Amino acid sequence: MRVAVIGIGKMGLLHAGVLNALEGVELCALSDSSAYLLNLAKNLKPVAVYDDYRKMLDREKPDAAVIATPVSLHVPMGLECASRGIAFLMEKPLGLSSAEALPLVDRVRERRLVTMVGYMLRFEDTFRKGREVLASGALGKVITFSSTAYVSQLFRKGKGWRYSRQQSGGGVVIGQATHLLDLLRWYFGPVASVSAHQRSFYSEEVEDYAHGHLEFAGGVTGWFDSSWSIRHHRLLEIGLVIHGENGTLEVSDDEVKLDLDEPAAGFERGWTRFRKPDLFHGVTIDIGGAHYTRQDEAFAAAVRDNTPPESDVANAWEVQKLVDAVYRSAERRGEPVQP
């Protein structure tokens, strides 16, 4: 399987390294608009290097592509891949808004194209285990939840496309909390309504803090809190606490903790703890985290078998509609909005 990468910043190079290490996958070409990055990439022989991704797609005719560029380029680049029948893995989010992304969703559906959008936490051992425990029914009826997404990233005016609403679509919600929103949909299903608030402090155009209350179609309610301007979080940290009629389930990047009032679904009364090292199973290569490898393995397998992965463009569009609803509600000072 020949794979080309569009955008060779941090994430593009990560995917390039992982995919090229997988059995039966070959990195055939790289493209970027930065002359500096292209000059560095030319040392990666025998990989072909291009300053125009369209020429790369036409000349190399890869079986699949990775799109790891600023958000404003996601939809047009996805459409270029789709027009050529090229499967693609795109970094999240899908686009600037659900309306902007709709033509891509329709084109992918028409072409029956294999796609994936980079919600890689679905491939993190702890979050997969947490979902498994929740699905077991051990908690009984789920009552409510609380969730957080924090990282210590911004404590002065930010520079670059991430802090431009025109190029990024927004701030911490679309840039980072979207990982949490995808997990919540994965755990609880479709969202019926959201009531949200946000605040900008360091940024002029985008939000640095956001808080929202979610009501799910299945009856579960809870809240999320997110910021990229919270101290003492070197990396993005996701936390989820679920309260049920028979106990509590806590899920984080590091562990899963279950506390039951009574034994249920094969779990004992009291605390059961699953730590990340205990849940780990080996991967071919680890660049930035095993969950990235598992994500890329799932994408490669989906392309080979021509089967849709669980985190495809259709799923990402549902997440995008939820992000849009968060922003609309915040603009209306917390008025409930349906995605």
C-alpha atoms as a PDB file:
ATOM      1  CA  MET A   1       0.000   0.000   0.000  1.00  0.00           C
ATOM      2  CA  ARG A   2       1.572   3.283  -1.131  1.00  0.00           C
ATOM      3  CA  VAL A   3       0.809   6.249   1.129  1.00  0.00           C
ATOM      4  CA  ALA A   4       1.484   9.967   0.567  1.00  0.00           C
ATOM      5  CA  VAL A   5       1.481  12.629   3.287  1.00  0.00           C
ATOM      6  CA  ILE A   6       0.174  16.177   2.782  1.00  0.00           C
ATOM      7  CA  GLY A   7       1.651  18.534   5.380  1.00  0.00           C
ATOM      8  CA  ILE A   8       4.910  17.600   7.091  1.00  0.00           C
ATOM      9  CA  GLY A   9       4.671  19.387  10.392  1.00  0.00           C
ATOM     10  CA  LYS A  10       4.609  17.442  13.657  1.00  0.00           C
ATOM     11  CA  MET A  11       1.567  15.270  12.918  1.00  0.00           C
ATOM     12  CA  GLY A  12       2.401  14.697   9.270  1.00  0.00           C
ATOM     13  CA  LEU A  13       5.856  13.395  10.138  1.00  0.00           C
ATOM     14  CA  LEU A  14       4.416  11.275  12.956  1.00  0.00           C
ATOM     15  CA  HIS A  15       1.988   9.528  10.588  1.00  0.00           C
ATOM     16  CA  ALA A  16       4.688   9.216   7.937  1.00  0.00           C
ATOM     17  CA  GLY A  17       6.991   7.429  10.372  1.00  0.00           C
ATOM     18  CA  VAL A  18       4.310   5.124  11.756  1.00  0.00           C
ATOM     19  CA  LEU A  19       2.767   4.133   8.430  1.00  0.00           C
ATOM     20  CA  ASN A  20       6.155   3.514   6.806  1.00  0.00           C
ATOM     21  CA  ALA A  21       6.984   1.058   9.610  1.00  0.00           C
ATOM     22  CA  LEU A  22       3.835  -1.030   9.133  1.00  0.00           C
ATOM     23  CA  GLU A  23       4.079  -4.273   7.216  1.00  0.00           C
ATOM     24  CA  GLY A  24       2.820  -3.901   3.665  1.00  0.00           C
ATOM     25  CA  VAL A  25       2.786  -0.079   3.771  1.00  0.00           C
ATOM     26  CA  GLU A  26       5.253   2.193   1.967  1.00  0.00           C
ATOM     27  CA  LEU A  27       5.657   5.958   2.345  1.00  0.00           C
ATOM     28  CA  CYS A  28       5.961   7.073  -1.280  1.00  0.00           C
ATOM     29  CA  ALA A  29       5.803  10.887  -1.163  1.00  0.00           C
ATOM     30  CA  LEU A  30       5.569  14.029   0.963  1.00  0.00           C
ATOM     31  CA  SER A  31       4.248  17.489   0.157  1.00  0.00           C
ATOM     32  CA  ASP A  32       4.249  20.859   1.885  1.00  0.00           C
ATOM     33  CA  SER A  33       4.226  24.552   1.012  1.00  0.00           C
ATOM     34  CA  SER A  34       7.163  25.318   3.337  1.00  0.00           C
ATOM     35  CA  ALA A  35      10.527  25.466   1.520  1.00  0.00           C
ATOM     36  CA  TYR A  36      12.294  24.971   4.861  1.00  0.00           C
ATOM     37  CA  LEU A  37      10.438  21.727   5.628  1.00  0.00           C
ATOM     38  CA  LEU A  38      10.822  20.490   2.066  1.00  0.00           C
ATOM     39  CA  ASN A  39      14.580  20.964   2.188  1.00  0.00           C
ATOM     40  CA  LEU A  40      14.700  18.881   5.361  1.00  0.00           C
ATOM     41  CA  ALA A  41      12.430  16.232   3.835  1.00  0.00           C
ATOM     42  CA  LYS A  42      14.702  15.827   0.800  1.00  0.00           C
ATOM     43  CA  ASN A  43      17.092  13.964   3.099  1.00  0.00           C
ATOM     44  CA  LEU A  44      14.480  11.216   3.499  1.00  0.00           C
ATOM     45  CA  LYS A  45      15.491   9.334   0.347  1.00  0.00           C
ATOM     46  CA  PRO A  46      14.025   7.652  -1.617  1.00  0.00           C
ATOM     47  CA  VAL A  47      10.779   9.433  -0.710  1.00  0.00           C
ATOM     48  CA  ALA A  48       9.591  11.865  -3.409  1.00  0.00           C
ATOM     49  CA  VAL A  49       9.053  15.465  -2.255  1.00  0.00           C
ATOM     50  CA  TYR A  50       6.569  17.976  -3.738  1.00  0.00           C
ATOM     51  CA  ASP A  51       5.611  21.597  -3.143  1.00  0.00           C
ATOM     52  CA  ASP A  52       2.184  20.998  -4.773  1.00  0.00           C
ATOM     53  CA  TYR A  53       0.064  18.221  -3.291  1.00  0.00           C
ATOM     54  CA  ARG A  54      -2.122  17.990  -6.412  1.00  0.00           C
ATOM     55  CA  LYS A  55       0.892  17.178  -8.562  1.00  0.00           C
ATOM     56  CA  MET A  56       1.933  14.636  -5.962  1.00  0.00           C
ATOM     57  CA  LEU A  57      -1.446  12.896  -6.061  1.00  0.00           C
ATOM     58  CA  ASP A  58      -1.522  12.891  -9.874  1.00  0.00           C
ATOM     59  CA  ARG A  59       2.042  11.648 -10.386  1.00  0.00           C
ATOM     60  CA  GLU A  60       2.383   9.202  -7.508  1.00  0.00           C
ATOM     61  CA  LYS A  61      -1.195   7.882  -7.574  1.00  0.00           C
ATOM     62  CA  PRO A  62      -1.016   6.678  -3.950  1.00  0.00           C
ATOM     63  CA  ASP A  63      -3.479   4.157  -2.552  1.00  0.00           C
ATOM     64  CA  ALA A  64      -4.045   6.412   0.455  1.00  0.00           C
ATOM     65  CA  ALA A  65      -3.100   9.840   1.770  1.00  0.00           C
ATOM     66  CA  VAL A  66      -2.659  11.566   5.115  1.00  0.00           C
ATOM     67  CA  ILE A  67      -3.905  15.167   5.439  1.00  0.00           C
ATOM     68  CA  ALA A  68      -2.110  16.943   8.294  1.00  0.00           C
ATOM     69  CA  THR A  69      -2.515  20.626   7.492  1.00  0.00           C
ATOM     70  CA  PRO A  70      -4.232  23.669   9.058  1.00  0.00           C
ATOM     71  CA  VAL A  71      -7.989  23.146   9.460  1.00  0.00           C
ATOM     72  CA  SER A  72      -8.965  25.590   6.714  1.00  0.00           C
ATOM     73  CA  LEU A  73      -7.301  23.271   4.165  1.00  0.00           C
ATOM     74  CA  HIS A  74      -8.921  20.023   5.320  1.00  0.00           C
ATOM     75  CA  VAL A  75     -12.091  20.117   3.223  1.00  0.00           C
ATOM     76  CA  PRO A  76     -10.555  21.260  -0.090  1.00  0.00           C
ATOM     77  CA  MET A  77      -7.737  18.725   0.244  1.00  0.00           C
ATOM     78  CA  GLY A  78     -10.190  15.986   1.192  1.00  0.00           C
ATOM     79  CA  LEU A  79     -12.247  16.819  -1.902  1.00  0.00           C
ATOM     80  CA  GLU A  80      -9.136  16.567  -4.092  1.00  0.00           C
ATOM     81  CA  CYS A  81      -8.416  13.103  -2.693  1.00  0.00           C
ATOM     82  CA  ALA A  82     -12.047  12.046  -3.068  1.00  0.00           C
ATOM     83  CA  SER A  83     -12.182  13.223  -6.698  1.00  0.00           C
ATOM     84  CA  ARG A  84      -9.278  10.852  -7.430  1.00  0.00           C
ATOM     85  CA  GLY A  85     -10.749   7.975  -5.421  1.00  0.00           C
ATOM     86  CA  ILE A  86      -7.906   8.118  -2.878  1.00  0.00           C
ATOM     87  CA  ALA A  87      -8.644   6.961   0.664  1.00  0.00           C
ATOM     88  CA  PHE A  88      -7.462   9.423   3.297  1.00  0.00           C
ATOM     89  CA  LEU A  89      -6.708   9.830   6.983  1.00  0.00           C
ATOM     90  CA  MET A  90      -7.295  13.431   8.042  1.00  0.00           C
ATOM     91  CA  GLU A  91      -6.208  15.061  11.265  1.00  0.00           C
ATOM     92  CA  LYS A  92      -9.117  16.362  13.331  1.00  0.00           C
ATOM     93  CA  PRO A  93     -11.335  18.330  13.124  1.00  0.00           C
ATOM     94  CA  LEU A  94     -13.095  17.654   9.837  1.00  0.00           C
ATOM     95  CA  GLY A  95     -13.310  21.329   8.912  1.00  0.00           C
ATOM     96  CA  LEU A  96     -14.129  24.862  10.000  1.00  0.00           C
ATOM     97  CA  SER A  97     -17.841  24.052  10.413  1.00  0.00           C
ATOM     98  CA  SER A  98     -20.338  21.326   9.570  1.00  0.00           C
ATOM     99  CA  ALA A  99     -21.757  23.434   6.715  1.00  0.00           C
ATOM    100  CA  GLU A 100     -18.314  23.857   5.152  1.00  0.00           C
ATOM    101  CA  ALA A 101     -17.645  20.111   5.492  1.00  0.00           C
ATOM    102  CA  LEU A 102     -20.966  18.917   4.033  1.00  0.00           C
ATOM    103  CA  PRO A 103     -19.756  18.742   0.390  1.00  0.00           C
ATOM    104  CA  LEU A 104     -16.904  16.474   1.516  1.00  0.00           C
ATOM    105  CA  VAL A 105     -19.275  14.262   3.513  1.00  0.00           C
ATOM    106  CA  ASP A 106     -21.523  13.913   0.460  1.00  0.00           C
ATOM    107  CA  ARG A 107     -18.620  13.205  -1.916  1.00  0.00           C
ATOM    108  CA  VAL A 108     -17.131  10.540   0.348  1.00  0.00           C
ATOM    109  CA  ARG A 109     -20.535   8.889   0.642  1.00  0.00           C
ATOM    110  CA  GLU A 110     -21.051   8.957  -3.130  1.00  0.00           C
ATOM    111  CA  ARG A 111     -17.618   7.444  -3.807  1.00  0.00           C
ATOM    112  CA  ARG A 112     -17.941   4.956  -0.927  1.00  0.00           C
ATOM    113  CA  LEU A 113     -14.456   6.028   0.035  1.00  0.00           C
ATOM    114  CA  VAL A 114     -12.563   4.700   3.059  1.00  0.00           C
ATOM    115  CA  THR A 115     -11.716   7.618   5.367  1.00  0.00           C
ATOM    116  CA  MET A 116     -10.595   8.251   8.924  1.00  0.00           C
ATOM    117  CA  VAL A 117     -10.454  11.429  11.008  1.00  0.00           C
ATOM    118  CA  GLY A 118      -7.823  11.563  13.752  1.00  0.00           C
ATOM    119  CA  TYR A 119      -9.768  11.070  16.969  1.00  0.00           C
ATOM    120  CA  MET A 120      -6.967   8.865  18.229  1.00  0.00           C
ATOM    121  CA  LEU A 121      -8.152   8.654  21.869  1.00  0.00           C
ATOM    122  CA  ARG A 122     -10.549   5.926  20.734  1.00  0.00           C
ATOM    123  CA  PHE A 123      -7.395   3.835  20.376  1.00  0.00           C
ATOM    124  CA  GLU A 124      -6.035   4.685  23.843  1.00  0.00           C
ATOM    125  CA  ASP A 125      -6.065   1.608  26.123  1.00  0.00           C
ATOM    126  CA  THR A 126      -7.720   3.336  29.084  1.00  0.00           C
ATOM    127  CA  PHE A 127     -10.553   4.948  27.123  1.00  0.00           C
ATOM    128  CA  ARG A 128     -11.310   1.697  25.293  1.00  0.00           C
ATOM    129  CA  LYS A 129     -11.367  -0.159  28.616  1.00  0.00           C
ATOM    130  CA  GLY A 130     -13.619   2.489  30.158  1.00  0.00           C
ATOM    131  CA  ARG A 131     -16.111   2.095  27.334  1.00  0.00           C
ATOM    132  CA  GLU A 132     -15.991  -1.678  27.760  1.00  0.00           C
ATOM    133  CA  VAL A 133     -16.755  -1.371  31.489  1.00  0.00           C
ATOM    134  CA  LEU A 134     -19.592   1.062  30.801  1.00  0.00           C
ATOM    135  CA  ALA A 135     -21.088  -1.272  28.196  1.00  0.00           C
ATOM    136  CA  SER A 136     -20.992  -4.154  30.695  1.00  0.00           C
ATOM    137  CA  GLY A 137     -23.841  -2.535  32.648  1.00  0.00           C
ATOM    138  CA  ALA A 138     -21.963  -2.778  35.953  1.00  0.00           C
ATOM    139  CA  LEU A 139     -22.952   0.788  36.886  1.00  0.00           C
ATOM    140  CA  GLY A 140     -26.637   0.114  36.382  1.00  0.00           C
ATOM    141  CA  LYS A 141     -28.548   3.106  35.072  1.00  0.00           C
ATOM    142  CA  VAL A 142     -26.193   5.994  34.299  1.00  0.00           C
ATOM    143  CA  ILE A 143     -27.276   9.178  36.066  1.00  0.00           C
ATOM    144  CA  THR A 144     -24.773  11.874  35.148  1.00  0.00           C
ATOM    145  CA  PHE A 145     -21.128  12.564  34.313  1.00  0.00           C
ATOM    146  CA  SER A 146     -18.465  15.241  34.538  1.00  0.00           C
ATOM    147  CA  SER A 147     -15.563  15.586  32.115  1.00  0.00           C
ATOM    148  CA  THR A 148     -12.521  17.776  31.530  1.00  0.00           C
ATOM    149  CA  ALA A 149      -9.955  18.515  28.821  1.00  0.00           C
ATOM    150  CA  TYR A 150      -7.005  20.595  30.035  1.00  0.00           C
ATOM    151  CA  VAL A 151      -3.534  21.494  28.791  1.00  0.00           C
ATOM    152  CA  SER A 152      -1.003  24.198  29.754  1.00  0.00           C
ATOM    153  CA  GLN A 153      -0.474  25.687  26.310  1.00  0.00           C
ATOM    154  CA  LEU A 154      -1.411  29.366  26.225  1.00  0.00           C
ATOM    155  CA  PHE A 155      -0.575  32.053  28.804  1.00  0.00           C
ATOM    156  CA  ARG A 156       0.078  34.977  26.457  1.00  0.00           C
ATOM    157  CA  LYS A 157      -1.109  35.988  23.014  1.00  0.00           C
ATOM    158  CA  GLY A 158      -0.752  33.007  20.687  1.00  0.00           C
ATOM    159  CA  LYS A 159       0.819  33.170  17.236  1.00  0.00           C
ATOM    160  CA  GLY A 160      -0.085  31.130  14.187  1.00  0.00           C
ATOM    161  CA  TRP A 161      -3.139  29.717  12.436  1.00  0.00           C
ATOM    162  CA  ARG A 162      -4.544  28.024  15.566  1.00  0.00           C
ATOM    163  CA  TYR A 163      -5.465  31.414  17.018  1.00  0.00           C
ATOM    164  CA  SER A 164      -7.136  32.717  13.852  1.00  0.00           C
ATOM    165  CA  ARG A 165     -10.837  31.884  13.681  1.00  0.00           C
ATOM    166  CA  GLN A 166     -10.750  32.088   9.885  1.00  0.00           C
ATOM    167  CA  GLN A 167      -8.043  29.431   9.682  1.00  0.00           C
ATOM    168  CA  SER A 168      -8.895  27.230  12.686  1.00  0.00           C
ATOM    169  CA  GLY A 169     -12.661  27.577  13.107  1.00  0.00           C
ATOM    170  CA  GLY A 170     -12.285  28.413  16.803  1.00  0.00           C
ATOM    171  CA  GLY A 171     -10.129  27.908  19.866  1.00  0.00           C
ATOM    172  CA  VAL A 172      -9.886  25.268  22.544  1.00  0.00           C
ATOM    173  CA  VAL A 173     -13.229  23.613  21.714  1.00  0.00           C
ATOM    174  CA  ILE A 174     -12.552  22.786  18.072  1.00  0.00           C
ATOM    175  CA  GLY A 175      -8.800  22.490  18.602  1.00  0.00           C
ATOM    176  CA  GLN A 176      -8.639  20.188  21.621  1.00  0.00           C
ATOM    177  CA  ALA A 177     -11.953  19.615  23.438  1.00  0.00           C
ATOM    178  CA  THR A 178     -13.255  18.055  20.230  1.00  0.00           C
ATOM    179  CA  HIS A 179     -11.317  14.930  21.325  1.00  0.00           C
ATOM    180  CA  LEU A 180     -13.404  14.860  24.511  1.00  0.00           C
ATOM    181  CA  LEU A 181     -16.664  15.532  22.651  1.00  0.00           C
ATOM    182  CA  ASP A 182     -15.915  12.602  20.333  1.00  0.00           C
ATOM    183  CA  LEU A 183     -15.286  10.341  23.341  1.00  0.00           C
ATOM    184  CA  LEU A 184     -18.550  11.418  24.983  1.00  0.00           C
ATOM    185  CA  ARG A 185     -20.500  10.594  21.812  1.00  0.00           C
ATOM    186  CA  TRP A 186     -18.633   7.272  21.630  1.00  0.00           C
ATOM    187  CA  TYR A 187     -19.635   6.473  25.210  1.00  0.00           C
ATOM    188  CA  PHE A 188     -23.205   7.821  25.335  1.00  0.00           C
ATOM    189  CA  GLY A 189     -24.458   8.195  21.746  1.00  0.00           C
ATOM    190  CA  PRO A 190     -26.028  11.184  19.965  1.00  0.00           C
ATOM    191  CA  VAL A 191     -26.382  14.526  21.762  1.00  0.00           C
ATOM    192  CA  ALA A 192     -29.888  16.018  21.935  1.00  0.00           C
ATOM    193  CA  SER A 193     -28.956  19.499  23.190  1.00  0.00           C
ATOM    194  CA  VAL A 194     -26.072  21.547  24.553  1.00  0.00           C
ATOM    195  CA  SER A 195     -25.900  24.668  26.694  1.00  0.00           C
ATOM    196  CA  ALA A 196     -22.455  26.296  26.657  1.00  0.00           C
ATOM    197  CA  HIS A 197     -20.398  29.292  27.746  1.00  0.00           C
ATOM    198  CA  GLN A 198     -16.936  30.391  26.678  1.00  0.00           C
ATOM    199  CA  ARG A 199     -14.361  33.055  27.457  1.00  0.00           C
ATOM    200  CA  SER A 200     -11.370  34.576  25.700  1.00  0.00           C
ATOM    201  CA  PHE A 201      -8.596  35.955  27.888  1.00  0.00           C
ATOM    202  CA  TYR A 202      -5.276  35.506  26.091  1.00  0.00           C
ATOM    203  CA  SER A 203      -6.713  35.222  22.585  1.00  0.00           C
ATOM    204  CA  GLU A 204      -8.365  37.958  20.547  1.00  0.00           C
ATOM    205  CA  GLU A 205     -10.346  35.843  18.067  1.00  0.00           C
ATOM    206  CA  VAL A 206     -10.892  32.456  19.704  1.00  0.00           C
ATOM    207  CA  GLU A 207     -11.935  31.032  23.072  1.00  0.00           C
ATOM    208  CA  ASP A 208      -9.432  29.989  25.754  1.00  0.00           C
ATOM    209  CA  TYR A 209     -12.012  28.513  28.137  1.00  0.00           C
ATOM    210  CA  ALA A 210     -15.287  26.684  27.461  1.00  0.00           C
ATOM    211  CA  HIS A 211     -17.880  24.941  29.632  1.00  0.00           C
ATOM    212  CA  GLY A 212     -21.023  23.141  28.563  1.00  0.00           C
ATOM    213  CA  HIS A 213     -23.943  21.001  29.725  1.00  0.00           C
ATOM    214  CA  LEU A 214     -24.922  18.116  27.452  1.00  0.00           C
ATOM    215  CA  GLU A 215     -28.164  16.162  27.212  1.00  0.00           C
ATOM    216  CA  PHE A 216     -27.940  12.912  25.268  1.00  0.00           C
ATOM    217  CA  ALA A 217     -30.750  11.317  23.294  1.00  0.00           C
ATOM    218  CA  GLY A 218     -30.534   8.280  25.563  1.00  0.00           C
ATOM    219  CA  GLY A 219     -31.278  10.377  28.671  1.00  0.00           C
ATOM    220  CA  VAL A 220     -27.759  10.798  30.132  1.00  0.00           C
ATOM    221  CA  THR A 221     -26.824  14.340  31.161  1.00  0.00           C
ATOM    222  CA  GLY A 222     -23.538  15.878  32.252  1.00  0.00           C
ATOM    223  CA  TRP A 223     -21.005  18.622  31.653  1.00  0.00           C
ATOM    224  CA  PHE A 224     -17.627  19.250  30.098  1.00  0.00           C
ATOM    225  CA  ASP A 225     -15.009  21.855  30.988  1.00  0.00           C
ATOM    226  CA  SER A 226     -12.055  22.658  28.743  1.00  0.00           C
ATOM    227  CA  SER A 227      -9.136  25.060  28.501  1.00  0.00           C
ATOM    228  CA  TRP A 228      -5.670  25.277  26.994  1.00  0.00           C
ATOM    229  CA  SER A 229      -4.774  27.872  29.642  1.00  0.00           C
ATOM    230  CA  ILE A 230      -4.867  25.739  32.825  1.00  0.00           C
ATOM    231  CA  ARG A 231      -1.573  25.322  34.659  1.00  0.00           C
ATOM    232  CA  HIS A 232       0.151  22.042  35.566  1.00  0.00           C
ATOM    233  CA  HIS A 233      -0.969  20.001  32.527  1.00  0.00           C
ATOM    234  CA  ARG A 234       2.123  19.495  30.360  1.00  0.00           C
ATOM    235  CA  LEU A 235       0.205  17.360  27.868  1.00  0.00           C
ATOM    236  CA  LEU A 236      -3.495  17.338  26.982  1.00  0.00           C
ATOM    237  CA  GLU A 237      -5.250  15.481  29.807  1.00  0.00           C
ATOM    238  CA  ILE A 238      -8.764  14.070  29.477  1.00  0.00           C
ATOM    239  CA  GLY A 239     -10.797  13.063  32.524  1.00  0.00           C
ATOM    240  CA  LEU A 240     -14.249  11.475  32.771  1.00  0.00           C
ATOM    241  CA  VAL A 241     -16.269  10.585  35.884  1.00  0.00           C
ATOM    242  CA  ILE A 242     -19.529   8.674  35.352  1.00  0.00           C
ATOM    243  CA  HIS A 243     -22.070   8.272  38.144  1.00  0.00           C
ATOM    244  CA  GLY A 244     -24.523   5.359  38.035  1.00  0.00           C
ATOM    245  CA  GLU A 245     -27.086   3.837  40.358  1.00  0.00           C
ATOM    246  CA  ASN A 246     -24.567   1.136  41.407  1.00  0.00           C
ATOM    247  CA  GLY A 247     -21.358   3.145  41.624  1.00  0.00           C
ATOM    248  CA  THR A 248     -18.849   5.350  39.855  1.00  0.00           C
ATOM    249  CA  LEU A 249     -16.516   4.905  36.874  1.00  0.00           C
ATOM    250  CA  GLU A 250     -13.461   7.180  36.501  1.00  0.00           C
ATOM    251  CA  VAL A 251     -11.491   7.175  33.250  1.00  0.00           C
ATOM    252  CA  SER A 252      -8.344   9.151  32.435  1.00  0.00           C
ATOM    253  CA  ASP A 253      -5.290   8.910  30.195  1.00  0.00           C
ATOM    254  CA  ASP A 254      -3.534   6.913  32.949  1.00  0.00           C
ATOM    255  CA  GLU A 255      -6.086   4.551  34.494  1.00  0.00           C
ATOM    256  CA  VAL A 256      -9.644   3.262  34.829  1.00  0.00           C
ATOM    257  CA  LYS A 257     -11.203   3.067  38.303  1.00  0.00           C
ATOM    258  CA  LEU A 258     -14.517   1.387  39.070  1.00  0.00           C
ATOM    259  CA  ASP A 259     -16.215   1.627  42.480  1.00  0.00           C
ATOM    260  CA  LEU A 260     -19.348  -0.517  42.880  1.00  0.00           C
ATOM    261  CA  ASP A 261     -21.884  -0.643  45.699  1.00  0.00           C
ATOM    262  CA  GLU A 262     -22.697  -4.255  44.803  1.00  0.00           C
ATOM    263  CA  PRO A 263     -20.952  -6.869  42.611  1.00  0.00           C
ATOM    264  CA  ALA A 264     -22.051  -6.718  38.975  1.00  0.00           C
ATOM    265  CA  ALA A 265     -21.028  -7.904  35.479  1.00  0.00           C
ATOM    266  CA  GLY A 266     -18.089  -9.891  36.872  1.00  0.00           C
ATOM    267  CA  PHE A 267     -16.689  -6.963  38.913  1.00  0.00           C
ATOM    268  CA  GLU A 268     -16.376  -7.095  42.697  1.00  0.00           C
ATOM    269  CA  ARG A 269     -17.896  -4.712  45.188  1.00  0.00           C
ATOM    270  CA  GLY A 270     -15.632  -1.753  45.962  1.00  0.00           C
ATOM    271  CA  TRP A 271     -12.694  -0.594  43.885  1.00  0.00           C
ATOM    272  CA  THR A 272     -11.373  -2.265  40.739  1.00  0.00           C
ATOM    273  CA  ARG A 273      -8.438  -0.487  39.093  1.00  0.00           C
ATOM    274  CA  PHE A 274      -6.909  -0.876  35.628  1.00  0.00           C
ATOM    275  CA  ARG A 275      -3.642   1.032  35.163  1.00  0.00           C
ATOM    276  CA  LYS A 276      -2.360   1.989  31.734  1.00  0.00           C
ATOM    277  CA  PRO A 277       0.765  -0.242  31.863  1.00  0.00           C
ATOM    278  CA  ASP A 278      -1.415  -3.243  32.775  1.00  0.00           C
ATOM    279  CA  LEU A 279      -3.688  -2.646  29.777  1.00  0.00           C
ATOM    280  CA  PHE A 280      -0.852  -2.133  27.280  1.00  0.00           C
ATOM    281  CA  HIS A 281      -0.242  -4.548  24.449  1.00  0.00           C
ATOM    282  CA  GLY A 282       2.654  -4.169  22.072  1.00  0.00           C
ATOM    283  CA  VAL A 283       2.759  -2.235  18.807  1.00  0.00           C
ATOM    284  CA  THR A 284       5.070  -2.335  15.794  1.00  0.00           C
ATOM    285  CA  ILE A 285       6.477   1.124  16.440  1.00  0.00           C
ATOM    286  CA  ASP A 286       5.763   3.878  18.958  1.00  0.00           C
ATOM    287  CA  ILE A 287       6.135   7.500  17.851  1.00  0.00           C
ATOM    288  CA  GLY A 288       4.262   9.815  20.200  1.00  0.00           C
ATOM    289  CA  GLY A 289       2.109   7.080  21.720  1.00  0.00           C
ATOM    290  CA  ALA A 290       0.860   3.578  20.930  1.00  0.00           C
ATOM    291  CA  HIS A 291      -2.635   4.926  20.217  1.00  0.00           C
ATOM    292  CA  TYR A 292      -1.311   6.654  17.088  1.00  0.00           C
ATOM    293  CA  THR A 293       0.080   3.346  15.851  1.00  0.00           C
ATOM    294  CA  ARG A 294      -3.213   1.549  16.480  1.00  0.00           C
ATOM    295  CA  GLN A 295      -5.069   4.333  14.704  1.00  0.00           C
ATOM    296  CA  ASP A 296      -2.837   4.074  11.646  1.00  0.00           C
ATOM    297  CA  GLU A 297      -3.035   0.266  11.710  1.00  0.00           C
ATOM    298  CA  ALA A 298      -6.833   0.495  11.743  1.00  0.00           C
ATOM    299  CA  PHE A 299      -6.754   2.904   8.806  1.00  0.00           C
ATOM    300  CA  ALA A 300      -4.403   0.703   6.764  1.00  0.00           C
ATOM    301  CA  ALA A 301      -6.560  -2.361   7.480  1.00  0.00           C
ATOM    302  CA  ALA A 302      -9.715  -0.474   6.467  1.00  0.00           C
ATOM    303  CA  VAL A 303      -8.117   0.555   3.156  1.00  0.00           C
ATOM    304  CA  ARG A 304      -6.976  -3.014   2.455  1.00  0.00           C
ATOM    305  CA  ASP A 305     -10.357  -4.532   3.296  1.00  0.00           C
ATOM    306  CA  ASN A 306     -12.404  -1.619   1.884  1.00  0.00           C
ATOM    307  CA  THR A 307     -14.383  -1.380   5.126  1.00  0.00           C
ATOM    308  CA  PRO A 308     -15.262   1.841   7.002  1.00  0.00           C
ATOM    309  CA  PRO A 309     -13.434   2.369  10.325  1.00  0.00           C
ATOM    310  CA  GLU A 310     -15.446   3.580  13.306  1.00  0.00           C
ATOM    311  CA  SER A 311     -13.896   7.073  13.269  1.00  0.00           C
ATOM    312  CA  ASP A 312     -14.638   8.055   9.680  1.00  0.00           C
ATOM    313  CA  VAL A 313     -15.761  11.281   7.984  1.00  0.00           C
ATOM    314  CA  ALA A 314     -19.427  10.562   8.789  1.00  0.00           C
ATOM    315  CA  ASN A 315     -18.629  10.291  12.515  1.00  0.00           C
ATOM    316  CA  ALA A 316     -16.421  13.390  12.396  1.00  0.00           C
ATOM    317  CA  TRP A 317     -19.282  15.355  10.818  1.00  0.00           C
ATOM    318  CA  GLU A 318     -21.506  14.494  13.797  1.00  0.00           C
ATOM    319  CA  VAL A 319     -18.756  15.738  16.126  1.00  0.00           C
ATOM    320  CA  GLN A 320     -18.465  18.880  13.981  1.00  0.00           C
ATOM    321  CA  LYS A 321     -22.193  19.557  14.358  1.00  0.00           C
ATOM    322  CA  LEU A 322     -21.807  19.267  18.127  1.00  0.00           C
ATOM    323  CA  VAL A 323     -18.881  21.729  18.074  1.00  0.00           C
ATOM    324  CA  ASP A 324     -21.026  24.134  16.035  1.00  0.00           C
ATOM    325  CA  ALA A 325     -23.814  23.812  18.610  1.00  0.00           C
ATOM    326  CA  VAL A 326     -21.396  24.623  21.444  1.00  0.00           C
ATOM    327  CA  TYR A 327     -20.373  27.834  19.668  1.00  0.00           C
ATOM    328  CA  ARG A 328     -23.964  28.848  18.822  1.00  0.00           C
ATOM    329  CA  SER A 329     -25.077  28.299  22.407  1.00  0.00           C
ATOM    330  CA  ALA A 330     -22.134  30.274  23.782  1.00  0.00           C
ATOM    331  CA  GLU A 331     -22.957  33.157  21.437  1.00  0.00           C
ATOM    332  CA  ARG A 332     -26.486  33.116  22.923  1.00  0.00           C
ATOM    333  CA  ARG A 333     -25.167  33.091  26.496  1.00  0.00           C
ATOM    334  CA  GLY A 334     -25.971  29.455  27.200  1.00  0.00           C
ATOM    335  CA  GLU A 335     -29.257  29.062  25.377  1.00  0.00           C
ATOM    336  CA  PRO A 336     -29.845  25.331  24.711  1.00  0.00           C
ATOM    337  CA  VAL A 337     -29.076  24.384  21.097  1.00  0.00           C
ATOM    338  CA  GLN A 338     -29.697  21.152  19.219  1.00  0.00           C
ATOM    339  CA  PRO A 339     -26.739  19.893  17.133  1.00  0.00           C
END
